[in-house]
N, C-alpha and C. Protein backbone atom coordinates (compact mmCIF):
# COMPACT_ATOMS: atom_id res chain seq x y z
N UNK A 1 0.86 -1.20 0.00
CA UNK A 1 0.00 0.00 0.00
C UNK A 1 0.89 1.24 0.00
N UNK A 2 0.62 2.12 -0.92
CA UNK A 2 1.46 3.32 -1.06
C UNK A 2 1.06 4.37 -0.04
N UNK A 3 2.05 4.93 0.61
CA UNK A 3 1.78 6.00 1.58
C UNK A 3 1.55 7.30 0.82
N UNK A 4 0.56 8.03 1.25
CA UNK A 4 0.33 9.33 0.65
C UNK A 4 0.56 10.39 1.72
N UNK A 5 1.28 11.40 1.36
CA UNK A 5 1.47 12.54 2.24
C UNK A 5 0.48 13.58 1.73
N UNK A 6 -0.39 14.04 2.59
CA UNK A 6 -1.39 14.99 2.11
C UNK A 6 -1.05 16.40 2.53
N UNK A 7 -1.20 17.31 1.59
CA UNK A 7 -0.99 18.72 1.91
C UNK A 7 -1.99 19.10 3.00
N UNK A 8 -1.49 19.82 4.00
CA UNK A 8 -2.34 20.21 5.12
C UNK A 8 -2.18 19.29 6.32
N UNK A 9 -1.63 18.09 6.10
CA UNK A 9 -1.38 17.16 7.21
C UNK A 9 0.00 17.39 7.80
N UNK A 10 0.19 16.90 9.02
CA UNK A 10 1.52 16.97 9.64
C UNK A 10 2.48 16.07 8.84
N UNK A 11 3.69 16.57 8.64
CA UNK A 11 4.71 15.76 7.96
C UNK A 11 5.19 14.69 8.94
N UNK A 12 5.36 13.46 8.47
CA UNK A 12 5.86 12.41 9.37
C UNK A 12 7.24 12.78 9.91
N UNK A 13 7.43 12.65 11.22
CA UNK A 13 8.72 12.97 11.82
C UNK A 13 9.69 11.82 11.60
N UNK A 14 10.96 12.12 11.63
CA UNK A 14 12.00 11.11 11.45
C UNK A 14 13.29 11.65 12.03
N UNK A 15 14.25 10.77 12.19
CA UNK A 15 15.62 11.17 12.55
C UNK A 15 16.56 10.41 11.64
N UNK A 16 17.46 11.15 10.99
CA UNK A 16 18.46 10.55 10.10
C UNK A 16 19.83 11.18 10.34
N UNK A 17 20.90 10.43 10.09
CA UNK A 17 22.24 11.00 10.18
C UNK A 17 22.49 11.96 9.02
N UNK A 18 23.12 13.09 9.35
CA UNK A 18 23.39 14.10 8.34
C UNK A 18 24.85 14.19 7.97
N UNK A 19 25.10 14.83 6.84
CA UNK A 19 26.46 14.98 6.32
C UNK A 19 27.32 15.86 7.23
N UNK A 20 26.71 16.53 8.21
CA UNK A 20 27.47 17.35 9.15
C UNK A 20 27.86 16.57 10.40
N UNK A 21 27.60 15.26 10.40
CA UNK A 21 27.99 14.42 11.54
C UNK A 21 26.97 14.41 12.67
N UNK A 22 25.83 15.11 12.49
CA UNK A 22 24.80 15.13 13.52
C UNK A 22 23.56 14.39 13.04
N UNK A 23 22.73 13.97 14.01
CA UNK A 23 21.43 13.42 13.66
C UNK A 23 20.46 14.57 13.50
N UNK A 24 19.57 14.46 12.53
CA UNK A 24 18.59 15.51 12.26
C UNK A 24 17.19 14.93 12.35
N UNK A 25 16.34 15.58 13.14
CA UNK A 25 14.93 15.22 13.21
C UNK A 25 14.14 16.37 12.60
N UNK A 26 13.01 16.03 12.03
CA UNK A 26 12.18 17.09 11.45
C UNK A 26 11.75 18.08 12.52
N UNK A 27 11.47 17.58 13.72
CA UNK A 27 11.01 18.47 14.80
C UNK A 27 12.09 19.48 15.22
N UNK A 28 13.36 19.20 14.91
CA UNK A 28 14.44 20.17 15.21
C UNK A 28 14.22 21.49 14.48
N UNK A 29 13.44 21.46 13.41
CA UNK A 29 13.31 22.63 12.54
C UNK A 29 12.00 23.39 12.73
N UNK A 30 11.27 23.09 13.82
CA UNK A 30 10.04 23.86 14.08
C UNK A 30 10.39 25.34 14.12
N UNK A 31 9.50 26.18 13.56
CA UNK A 31 9.78 27.61 13.51
C UNK A 31 10.44 28.03 12.20
N UNK A 32 10.84 27.03 11.40
CA UNK A 32 11.37 27.31 10.06
C UNK A 32 10.58 26.49 9.05
N UNK A 33 10.60 26.97 7.80
CA UNK A 33 10.05 26.14 6.72
C UNK A 33 11.14 25.16 6.33
N UNK A 34 10.74 23.94 5.99
CA UNK A 34 11.71 22.93 5.56
C UNK A 34 11.40 22.52 4.13
N UNK A 35 12.43 22.56 3.30
CA UNK A 35 12.33 22.02 1.95
C UNK A 35 13.02 20.67 2.01
N UNK A 36 12.20 19.63 2.08
CA UNK A 36 12.70 18.27 2.20
C UNK A 36 12.66 17.66 0.82
N UNK A 37 13.84 17.46 0.23
CA UNK A 37 13.82 16.91 -1.12
C UNK A 37 14.51 15.56 -1.17
N UNK A 38 13.85 14.63 -1.86
CA UNK A 38 14.35 13.26 -2.02
C UNK A 38 14.89 13.15 -3.44
N UNK A 39 16.09 12.59 -3.56
CA UNK A 39 16.68 12.48 -4.89
C UNK A 39 17.33 11.11 -5.02
N UNK A 40 17.44 10.59 -6.26
CA UNK A 40 17.91 9.21 -6.45
C UNK A 40 19.36 8.94 -6.05
N UNK A 41 20.32 9.78 -6.49
CA UNK A 41 21.71 9.38 -6.27
C UNK A 41 22.67 10.57 -6.35
N UNK A 42 23.63 10.58 -5.41
CA UNK A 42 24.69 11.60 -5.43
C UNK A 42 25.46 11.52 -6.75
N UNK A 43 25.94 12.69 -7.20
CA UNK A 43 26.84 12.76 -8.36
C UNK A 43 26.29 12.20 -9.66
N UNK A 44 24.98 12.21 -9.84
CA UNK A 44 24.41 11.85 -11.15
C UNK A 44 23.92 13.15 -11.77
N UNK A 45 23.80 13.22 -13.09
CA UNK A 45 23.52 14.50 -13.75
C UNK A 45 22.28 15.24 -13.22
N UNK A 46 21.13 14.59 -13.17
CA UNK A 46 19.91 15.25 -12.71
C UNK A 46 20.00 15.69 -11.27
N UNK A 47 20.55 14.84 -10.43
CA UNK A 47 20.65 15.15 -9.00
C UNK A 47 21.64 16.28 -8.75
N UNK A 48 22.70 16.33 -9.55
CA UNK A 48 23.67 17.40 -9.43
C UNK A 48 23.04 18.73 -9.83
N UNK A 49 22.32 18.73 -10.95
CA UNK A 49 21.64 19.94 -11.41
C UNK A 49 20.66 20.43 -10.36
N UNK A 50 19.89 19.50 -9.77
CA UNK A 50 18.92 19.86 -8.74
C UNK A 50 19.62 20.46 -7.51
N UNK A 51 20.69 19.80 -7.06
CA UNK A 51 21.42 20.26 -5.87
C UNK A 51 22.01 21.66 -6.12
N UNK A 52 22.54 21.88 -7.31
CA UNK A 52 23.11 23.19 -7.63
C UNK A 52 22.01 24.26 -7.67
N UNK A 53 20.83 23.88 -8.12
CA UNK A 53 19.69 24.80 -8.09
C UNK A 53 19.37 25.23 -6.66
N UNK A 54 19.38 24.27 -5.75
CA UNK A 54 19.14 24.61 -4.34
C UNK A 54 20.29 25.46 -3.79
N UNK A 55 21.51 25.12 -4.19
CA UNK A 55 22.68 25.89 -3.74
C UNK A 55 22.56 27.34 -4.19
N UNK A 56 22.24 27.55 -5.47
CA UNK A 56 22.17 28.92 -6.03
C UNK A 56 21.05 29.74 -5.41
N UNK A 57 20.04 29.06 -4.88
CA UNK A 57 18.90 29.76 -4.28
C UNK A 57 18.91 29.70 -2.76
N UNK A 58 20.01 29.19 -2.19
CA UNK A 58 20.06 28.99 -0.75
C UNK A 58 19.86 30.28 0.04
N UNK A 59 20.48 31.37 -0.43
CA UNK A 59 20.32 32.66 0.27
C UNK A 59 18.88 33.15 0.21
N UNK A 60 18.26 33.07 -0.97
CA UNK A 60 16.84 33.45 -1.10
C UNK A 60 15.99 32.65 -0.14
N UNK A 61 16.25 31.34 -0.09
CA UNK A 61 15.45 30.47 0.77
C UNK A 61 15.68 30.79 2.24
N UNK A 62 16.94 31.02 2.62
CA UNK A 62 17.24 31.41 4.01
C UNK A 62 16.50 32.69 4.37
N UNK A 63 16.46 33.62 3.43
CA UNK A 63 15.76 34.88 3.63
C UNK A 63 14.27 34.69 3.82
N UNK A 64 13.75 33.56 3.35
CA UNK A 64 12.33 33.25 3.51
C UNK A 64 12.12 32.32 4.71
N UNK A 65 13.14 32.25 5.60
CA UNK A 65 13.08 31.40 6.79
C UNK A 65 12.93 29.92 6.44
N UNK A 66 13.61 29.51 5.37
CA UNK A 66 13.51 28.11 4.94
C UNK A 66 14.88 27.45 4.97
N UNK A 67 14.88 26.17 5.29
CA UNK A 67 16.10 25.37 5.31
C UNK A 67 15.92 24.21 4.34
N UNK A 68 16.99 23.87 3.62
CA UNK A 68 16.96 22.78 2.64
C UNK A 68 17.58 21.53 3.27
N UNK A 69 16.90 20.40 3.14
CA UNK A 69 17.44 19.10 3.55
C UNK A 69 17.27 18.13 2.38
N UNK A 70 18.39 17.58 1.91
CA UNK A 70 18.33 16.59 0.83
C UNK A 70 18.39 15.19 1.41
N UNK A 71 17.62 14.26 0.85
CA UNK A 71 17.62 12.88 1.34
C UNK A 71 17.81 11.92 0.17
N UNK A 72 18.78 11.00 0.34
CA UNK A 72 18.90 9.90 -0.61
C UNK A 72 19.35 8.67 0.17
N UNK A 73 19.46 7.56 -0.53
CA UNK A 73 19.87 6.31 0.15
C UNK A 73 21.38 6.12 0.11
N UNK A 74 22.10 7.16 -0.34
CA UNK A 74 23.56 7.09 -0.38
C UNK A 74 24.14 7.14 1.03
N UNK A 75 25.37 6.69 1.16
CA UNK A 75 26.07 6.71 2.45
C UNK A 75 26.52 8.13 2.78
N UNK A 76 26.87 8.35 4.04
CA UNK A 76 27.40 9.66 4.44
C UNK A 76 28.70 9.96 3.70
N UNK A 77 29.51 8.95 3.45
CA UNK A 77 30.77 9.16 2.73
C UNK A 77 30.49 9.68 1.31
N UNK A 78 29.50 9.10 0.67
CA UNK A 78 29.10 9.53 -0.67
C UNK A 78 28.58 10.98 -0.62
N UNK A 79 27.75 11.28 0.39
CA UNK A 79 27.24 12.65 0.56
C UNK A 79 28.39 13.65 0.71
N UNK A 80 29.38 13.24 1.51
CA UNK A 80 30.51 14.14 1.78
C UNK A 80 31.23 14.50 0.48
N UNK A 81 31.46 13.51 -0.38
CA UNK A 81 32.12 13.76 -1.67
C UNK A 81 31.28 14.68 -2.53
N UNK A 82 29.98 14.44 -2.54
CA UNK A 82 29.04 15.23 -3.35
C UNK A 82 29.05 16.69 -2.89
N UNK A 83 28.99 16.89 -1.59
CA UNK A 83 28.98 18.25 -1.00
C UNK A 83 30.29 18.97 -1.31
N UNK A 84 31.41 18.27 -1.12
CA UNK A 84 32.72 18.86 -1.36
C UNK A 84 32.89 19.23 -2.83
N UNK A 85 32.50 18.32 -3.71
CA UNK A 85 32.69 18.52 -5.14
C UNK A 85 31.92 19.75 -5.65
N UNK A 86 30.71 19.97 -5.10
CA UNK A 86 29.87 21.06 -5.62
C UNK A 86 29.65 22.20 -4.63
N UNK A 87 30.31 22.13 -3.47
CA UNK A 87 30.21 23.21 -2.49
C UNK A 87 28.79 23.43 -1.99
N UNK A 88 28.08 22.34 -1.72
CA UNK A 88 26.69 22.46 -1.30
C UNK A 88 26.59 23.01 0.12
N UNK A 89 25.77 24.05 0.32
CA UNK A 89 25.71 24.73 1.62
C UNK A 89 24.62 24.18 2.55
N UNK A 90 24.07 23.00 2.25
CA UNK A 90 23.01 22.45 3.09
C UNK A 90 23.32 21.00 3.44
N UNK A 91 22.58 20.48 4.41
CA UNK A 91 22.82 19.14 4.92
C UNK A 91 22.14 18.10 4.02
N UNK A 92 22.87 17.03 3.75
CA UNK A 92 22.29 15.87 3.08
C UNK A 92 22.12 14.77 4.12
N UNK A 93 20.96 14.14 4.11
CA UNK A 93 20.65 13.08 5.07
C UNK A 93 20.77 11.73 4.39
N UNK A 94 21.27 10.76 5.15
CA UNK A 94 21.50 9.43 4.62
C UNK A 94 20.42 8.47 5.12
N UNK A 95 19.64 7.96 4.19
CA UNK A 95 18.54 7.03 4.51
C UNK A 95 18.87 5.66 3.93
N UNK A 96 19.98 5.08 4.41
CA UNK A 96 20.48 3.83 3.80
C UNK A 96 19.50 2.66 3.94
N UNK A 97 18.65 2.66 4.97
CA UNK A 97 17.69 1.56 5.10
C UNK A 97 16.31 1.90 4.51
N UNK A 98 16.22 3.04 3.82
CA UNK A 98 15.00 3.46 3.10
C UNK A 98 13.80 3.74 3.99
N UNK A 99 14.00 3.82 5.29
CA UNK A 99 12.89 3.99 6.22
C UNK A 99 12.10 5.28 5.95
N UNK A 100 12.82 6.39 5.79
CA UNK A 100 12.15 7.68 5.58
C UNK A 100 11.59 7.76 4.16
N UNK A 101 12.29 7.17 3.20
CA UNK A 101 11.77 7.11 1.83
C UNK A 101 10.41 6.40 1.82
N UNK A 102 10.31 5.31 2.58
CA UNK A 102 9.03 4.59 2.66
C UNK A 102 7.98 5.43 3.38
N UNK A 103 8.39 6.10 4.45
CA UNK A 103 7.49 6.96 5.21
C UNK A 103 6.84 8.01 4.31
N UNK A 104 7.62 8.55 3.38
CA UNK A 104 7.13 9.60 2.48
C UNK A 104 6.64 9.07 1.14
N UNK A 105 6.68 7.75 0.97
CA UNK A 105 6.15 7.15 -0.25
C UNK A 105 6.87 7.55 -1.52
N UNK A 106 8.20 7.68 -1.46
CA UNK A 106 8.93 8.12 -2.65
C UNK A 106 9.67 6.99 -3.38
N UNK A 107 9.55 5.75 -2.89
CA UNK A 107 10.20 4.64 -3.58
C UNK A 107 9.28 4.12 -4.67
N UNK A 108 9.82 3.97 -5.88
CA UNK A 108 9.04 3.49 -7.01
C UNK A 108 9.84 2.44 -7.75
N UNK A 109 9.12 1.57 -8.46
CA UNK A 109 9.82 0.61 -9.29
C UNK A 109 10.33 1.34 -10.53
N UNK A 110 11.60 1.15 -10.81
CA UNK A 110 12.19 1.77 -11.99
C UNK A 110 12.60 0.65 -12.93
N UNK A 111 12.62 0.96 -14.20
CA UNK A 111 12.99 -0.03 -15.20
C UNK A 111 14.11 0.56 -16.04
N UNK A 112 15.33 0.07 -15.81
CA UNK A 112 16.44 0.59 -16.57
C UNK A 112 17.07 -0.52 -17.39
N UNK A 113 17.10 -0.34 -18.68
CA UNK A 113 17.67 -1.33 -19.59
C UNK A 113 17.07 -2.71 -19.31
N UNK A 114 15.75 -2.75 -19.10
CA UNK A 114 15.07 -4.02 -18.88
C UNK A 114 15.25 -4.59 -17.48
N UNK A 115 16.02 -3.89 -16.64
CA UNK A 115 16.25 -4.37 -15.27
C UNK A 115 15.37 -3.58 -14.32
N UNK A 116 14.55 -4.28 -13.56
CA UNK A 116 13.69 -3.59 -12.61
C UNK A 116 14.41 -3.42 -11.27
N UNK A 117 14.24 -2.25 -10.70
CA UNK A 117 14.81 -2.01 -9.38
C UNK A 117 13.92 -1.02 -8.66
N UNK A 118 14.10 -0.90 -7.36
CA UNK A 118 13.34 0.08 -6.59
C UNK A 118 14.27 1.27 -6.35
N UNK A 119 13.78 2.44 -6.68
CA UNK A 119 14.60 3.64 -6.50
C UNK A 119 13.75 4.80 -6.04
N UNK A 120 14.41 5.89 -5.72
CA UNK A 120 13.72 7.09 -5.26
C UNK A 120 13.18 7.85 -6.46
N UNK A 121 11.89 8.18 -6.39
CA UNK A 121 11.30 9.07 -7.38
C UNK A 121 11.52 10.49 -6.86
N UNK A 122 12.19 11.31 -7.67
CA UNK A 122 12.52 12.67 -7.26
C UNK A 122 11.26 13.38 -6.76
N UNK A 123 11.28 13.80 -5.49
CA UNK A 123 10.11 14.40 -4.85
C UNK A 123 10.55 15.47 -3.87
N UNK A 124 9.73 16.51 -3.72
CA UNK A 124 10.04 17.59 -2.77
C UNK A 124 8.81 17.90 -1.94
N UNK A 125 9.03 18.06 -0.64
CA UNK A 125 7.94 18.42 0.28
C UNK A 125 8.30 19.75 0.94
N UNK A 126 7.37 20.69 0.91
CA UNK A 126 7.57 21.96 1.60
C UNK A 126 6.76 21.86 2.89
N UNK A 127 7.45 22.03 4.01
CA UNK A 127 6.84 21.86 5.32
C UNK A 127 6.89 23.20 6.05
N UNK A 128 5.76 23.61 6.63
CA UNK A 128 5.72 24.93 7.26
C UNK A 128 6.32 24.92 8.68
N UNK A 129 6.30 26.09 9.31
CA UNK A 129 6.94 26.28 10.62
C UNK A 129 6.34 25.40 11.71
N UNK A 130 5.09 24.94 11.51
CA UNK A 130 4.46 24.07 12.53
C UNK A 130 4.62 22.58 12.20
N UNK A 131 5.24 22.29 11.05
CA UNK A 131 5.43 20.89 10.70
C UNK A 131 4.37 20.32 9.77
N UNK A 132 3.56 21.20 9.17
CA UNK A 132 2.53 20.73 8.22
C UNK A 132 3.08 20.78 6.80
N UNK A 133 2.66 19.81 5.99
CA UNK A 133 3.03 19.80 4.57
C UNK A 133 2.18 20.85 3.86
N UNK A 134 2.84 21.87 3.28
CA UNK A 134 2.07 22.88 2.56
C UNK A 134 2.10 22.65 1.05
N UNK A 135 3.08 21.88 0.58
CA UNK A 135 3.13 21.59 -0.85
C UNK A 135 3.95 20.34 -1.06
N UNK A 136 3.47 19.50 -1.99
CA UNK A 136 4.28 18.34 -2.37
C UNK A 136 4.45 18.32 -3.87
N UNK A 137 5.65 17.97 -4.29
CA UNK A 137 5.95 17.84 -5.70
C UNK A 137 6.41 16.40 -5.92
N UNK A 138 5.73 15.68 -6.80
CA UNK A 138 6.13 14.32 -7.15
C UNK A 138 6.65 14.31 -8.58
N UNK A 139 7.44 13.30 -8.92
CA UNK A 139 7.98 13.16 -10.27
C UNK A 139 8.56 14.49 -10.74
N UNK A 140 9.39 15.06 -9.91
CA UNK A 140 9.96 16.39 -10.17
C UNK A 140 10.78 16.40 -11.45
N UNK A 141 10.54 17.41 -12.26
CA UNK A 141 11.39 17.69 -13.43
C UNK A 141 12.36 18.78 -12.98
N UNK A 142 13.63 18.50 -13.04
CA UNK A 142 14.65 19.38 -12.49
C UNK A 142 14.62 20.78 -13.09
N UNK A 143 14.34 20.87 -14.40
CA UNK A 143 14.48 22.13 -15.12
C UNK A 143 13.75 23.31 -14.47
N UNK A 144 12.48 23.18 -14.16
CA UNK A 144 11.71 24.32 -13.64
C UNK A 144 11.43 24.21 -12.15
N UNK A 145 12.07 23.26 -11.50
CA UNK A 145 11.71 22.95 -10.12
C UNK A 145 12.01 24.08 -9.14
N UNK A 146 13.16 24.75 -9.29
CA UNK A 146 13.52 25.80 -8.32
C UNK A 146 12.47 26.92 -8.31
N UNK A 147 11.97 27.29 -9.47
CA UNK A 147 10.95 28.34 -9.55
C UNK A 147 9.70 27.91 -8.79
N UNK A 148 9.32 26.63 -8.95
CA UNK A 148 8.14 26.12 -8.24
C UNK A 148 8.36 26.14 -6.72
N UNK A 149 9.56 25.74 -6.31
CA UNK A 149 9.87 25.70 -4.87
C UNK A 149 9.83 27.11 -4.28
N UNK A 150 10.49 28.04 -4.94
CA UNK A 150 10.51 29.42 -4.44
C UNK A 150 9.10 29.99 -4.33
N UNK A 151 8.28 29.71 -5.31
CA UNK A 151 6.89 30.17 -5.32
C UNK A 151 6.14 29.58 -4.12
N UNK A 152 6.32 28.30 -3.88
CA UNK A 152 5.60 27.61 -2.79
C UNK A 152 6.07 28.10 -1.41
N UNK A 153 7.35 28.45 -1.28
CA UNK A 153 7.90 28.87 0.00
C UNK A 153 7.43 30.28 0.35
N UNK A 154 7.26 31.14 -0.67
CA UNK A 154 6.80 32.51 -0.44
C UNK A 154 5.40 32.47 0.09
């Protein structure tokens, strides 16, 4: 059964290890808007473009009282390389056991070269200062995504 996150509902809380060496819980960010984005893999073209989009808009987002948290199933070591390579100014969370991905219903069957696998469907959740989901984006297309995020955060 697929989990649905509904706009207007409380975002499911979680705790995951972050690229800064600390554990991060969603409740740690009460009082700020959270842009929680799930992406398939560090250092792949689409994910890099998306991360750089968040990086380039990080100051605008901070000015809107928003914090960016990226989530993938990559290891912290992989996140560290990704952050260093592209100078990412936000925390990446490591969900190696897919627990939070399942909580947010972002795992989908993918078919690559005839091989089926389960992977993260690029998704972004905008969570308000009280912890409610105010906007969800599924099957994100990287190209226009930053404009949509900025609009939703305002």
